[in-house]
Protein backbone atom coordinates (compact mmCIF):
# COMPACT_ATOMS: atom_id res chain seq x y z
CA MET A 1 -8.09 -6.83 -9.92
CA LYS A 2 -8.72 -3.71 -7.84
CA LYS A 3 -9.12 -3.83 -4.05
CA ILE A 4 -9.43 -1.28 -1.25
CA TYR A 5 -7.81 -1.80 2.16
CA LYS A 6 -8.11 0.05 5.46
CA ILE A 7 -4.71 1.30 6.57
CA GLU A 8 -3.10 3.21 9.40
CA VAL A 9 -0.57 5.92 8.65
CA ASP A 10 0.38 8.85 10.90
CA CYS A 11 0.75 11.83 8.56
CA ALA A 12 0.06 12.95 5.01
CA HIS A 13 3.78 13.25 4.19
CA CYS A 14 4.39 9.68 5.38
CA ALA A 15 1.40 8.48 3.34
CA ALA A 16 2.85 10.09 0.21
CA LYS A 17 6.27 8.52 0.80
CA ALA A 18 4.68 5.10 1.40
CA GLU A 19 2.56 5.44 -1.75
CA ASN A 20 5.56 6.28 -3.94
CA ALA A 21 7.52 3.34 -2.57
CA ALA A 22 4.65 0.84 -2.79
CA LYS A 23 3.92 1.67 -6.43
CA LYS A 24 7.24 0.02 -7.28
CA VAL A 25 6.36 -3.36 -5.71
CA GLU A 26 6.24 -6.23 -8.19
CA GLY A 27 2.65 -7.24 -8.93
CA VAL A 28 1.26 -3.72 -8.44
CA ILE A 29 -0.10 -1.97 -11.52
CA ASP A 30 -1.35 1.08 -9.62
CA LEU A 31 -1.67 2.09 -5.99
CA ALA A 32 -3.13 5.11 -4.23
CA ILE A 33 -3.16 6.02 -0.53
CA ASN A 34 -5.75 8.45 0.81
CA PHE A 35 -4.53 9.82 4.13
CA MET A 36 -7.86 11.48 5.01
CA THR A 37 -9.90 8.27 4.69
CA GLN A 38 -7.02 5.98 5.78
CA LYS A 39 -7.58 3.76 2.74
CA MET A 40 -5.31 2.26 0.12
CA THR A 41 -6.49 1.25 -3.34
CA VAL A 42 -4.39 -1.38 -5.09
CA VAL A 43 -4.68 -2.57 -8.69
CA PHE A 44 -2.98 -5.96 -8.93
CA ALA A 45 -1.34 -7.35 -12.05
CA ASP A 46 -3.09 -10.29 -13.68
CA GLY A 47 -2.09 -13.51 -11.97
CA ALA A 48 -0.42 -11.76 -9.02
CA ASP A 49 -0.60 -13.49 -5.63
CA GLU A 50 -2.58 -10.96 -3.59
CA LYS A 51 -1.25 -12.09 -0.18
CA ARG A 52 2.38 -12.01 -1.34
CA VAL A 53 1.98 -8.60 -2.96
CA LEU A 54 0.30 -7.19 0.18
CA LYS A 55 3.13 -8.58 2.31
CA ASP A 56 5.67 -6.90 0.00
CA ILE A 57 3.70 -3.63 0.08
CA LEU A 58 3.66 -3.68 3.89
CA LYS A 59 7.39 -4.44 4.08
CA THR A 60 8.18 -1.64 1.61
CA CYS A 61 5.94 0.90 3.34
CA ARG A 62 7.41 0.13 6.75
CA LYS A 63 10.85 1.03 5.42
CA VAL A 64 9.67 4.62 4.95
CA GLU A 65 7.01 4.76 7.73
CA ARG A 66 7.52 2.26 10.54
CA HIS A 67 3.99 2.64 11.91
CA PHE A 68 2.29 1.83 8.59
CA ALA A 69 -0.31 -0.94 8.91
CA ILE A 70 -2.77 -2.70 6.63
CA GLU A 71 -5.95 -3.90 8.33
CA GLU A 72 -7.63 -6.98 6.91
């Protein structure tokens, strides 16, 4: 399943660091962050719990960029 989320991230470098970290979260097949549009595209693994994976993505991204936010 592929979904797009509105995000908030302060700079392109921080977006790249967050993207690299979030790609390693369990349940994520692929993930891309577009700093210019402030959007994140996530491809979830089959059977993955979307809410849990998003929570893990947010936690992981905040380790590298404390102001990172996912708007729902």
